Every structure is written in structure tokens, then in C-alpha cells.
Protein backbone atom coordinates (compact mmCIF):
# COMPACT_ATOMS: atom_id res chain seq x y z
CA MET A 1 -12.57 12.47 26.04
CA THR A 2 -10.08 13.16 23.27
CA ALA A 3 -10.48 11.24 20.03
CA LYS A 4 -7.27 9.78 18.66
CA LEU A 5 -6.46 7.87 15.53
CA ASP A 6 -4.84 4.47 15.50
CA PRO A 7 -1.10 4.99 14.83
CA LYS A 8 -1.20 2.07 12.36
CA LEU A 9 -4.02 3.67 10.36
CA LYS A 10 -3.57 3.54 6.59
CA TYR A 11 -4.82 6.18 4.16
CA ASP A 12 -7.43 3.89 2.60
CA GLU A 13 -8.80 2.96 6.03
CA ALA A 14 -9.01 6.61 7.07
CA LEU A 15 -10.79 7.52 3.85
CA GLU A 16 -13.25 4.67 4.34
CA GLN A 17 -14.00 5.79 7.91
CA LEU A 18 -14.46 9.37 6.73
CA GLN A 19 -16.85 8.28 3.97
CA GLU A 20 -18.89 6.29 6.49
CA ILE A 21 -19.22 9.35 8.74
CA VAL A 22 -20.29 11.45 5.75
CA HIS A 23 -22.93 8.87 4.79
CA LEU A 24 -24.26 8.79 8.35
CA LEU A 25 -24.50 12.58 8.34
CA GLU A 26 -26.19 12.67 4.94
CA ARG A 27 -28.77 10.09 6.02
CA LYS A 28 -29.20 11.85 9.39
CA GLU A 29 -28.43 8.56 11.16
CA ILE A 30 -26.27 10.10 13.89
CA ASN A 31 -28.06 10.97 17.09
CA ILE A 32 -27.36 14.28 18.75
CA ASP A 33 -25.37 12.63 21.55
CA ASP A 34 -22.83 11.24 19.07
CA LEU A 35 -22.74 14.14 16.61
CA ALA A 36 -19.91 16.16 18.17
CA GLY A 37 -17.74 13.07 18.52
CA LYS A 38 -18.29 12.07 14.90
CA VAL A 39 -17.47 15.59 13.69
CA LYS A 40 -14.25 15.58 15.76
CA GLN A 41 -13.34 12.15 14.36
CA ALA A 42 -14.03 13.38 10.82
CA LYS A 43 -11.79 16.41 11.38
CA LEU A 44 -8.94 14.16 12.56
CA LEU A 45 -9.41 11.88 9.57
CA VAL A 46 -9.39 14.80 7.13
CA GLU A 47 -6.19 16.16 8.70
CA PHE A 48 -4.58 12.70 8.58
CA CYS A 49 -5.49 12.23 4.90
CA ARG A 50 -4.29 15.73 3.98
CA GLU A 51 -0.95 15.18 5.75
CA LYS A 52 -0.53 11.78 4.12
CA LEU A 53 -1.20 13.22 0.66
CA ASP A 54 1.18 16.14 1.26
CA SER A 55 4.00 13.91 2.52
CA THR A 56 3.50 11.46 -0.35
CA GLU A 57 3.59 14.30 -2.88
CA GLU A 58 6.80 15.62 -1.29
CA GLU A 59 8.39 12.18 -1.37
CA ILE A 60 7.46 11.67 -5.02
CA ASN A 61 8.85 15.09 -5.94
CA LYS A 62 12.15 14.17 -4.25
CA ILE A 63 12.28 10.95 -6.29
CA ILE A 64 11.47 12.69 -9.56
CA ASN A 65 13.67 15.74 -8.93
CA PRO A 66 16.41 14.60 -6.53
CA ASN A 67 18.55 17.73 -7.07
CA ASP A 68 15.81 20.25 -6.26
CA GLY A 69 16.56 22.18 -3.11
CA GLU A 70 20.32 21.84 -3.49
CA GLU A 71 22.40 24.91 -4.23
CA LYS A 72 23.57 24.91 -7.80
CA PRO A 73 27.12 26.06 -8.61
CA PHE A 74 27.50 29.20 -10.66
């Protein structure tokens, strides 16, 4: 079974899900049968959040510096 994220997932929702998994792990409230699945889900959520942050940073940089990346005349 492959874990997948909801395509409509928002950053805040992903972060909330990730925090819940972390809390379950810290309190040792995940049974051994669910542990691997929760770790896989956490990995997907971390990757999603990282990609969202990177793309948002890139978009903001393009707004702030719209001429970056263009060749400048001599």
C-alpha cells in the first residue's frame, strides 16, 4: 500500500498532520503495526512542506526581483 497525499492539501493542513504524527511518536501512542505507515506519511508531509516553502520562496523572489535571471546588456 502506497501512501499518497490529498492533491488539495494545503501547507497548514500538512504541517498540522505532521505535528500530530510527531506528538504520537513522542508519547509512544503509535502501535508497532502502524509505525511504518506513520513514518512514511511523515516523510511525504515533510517533502510536501519543503517543496511548498521552496516554490513560495522562488515565487516571492521573482516578485521582488523580476529582472533576475535575465541577461543584462553590456
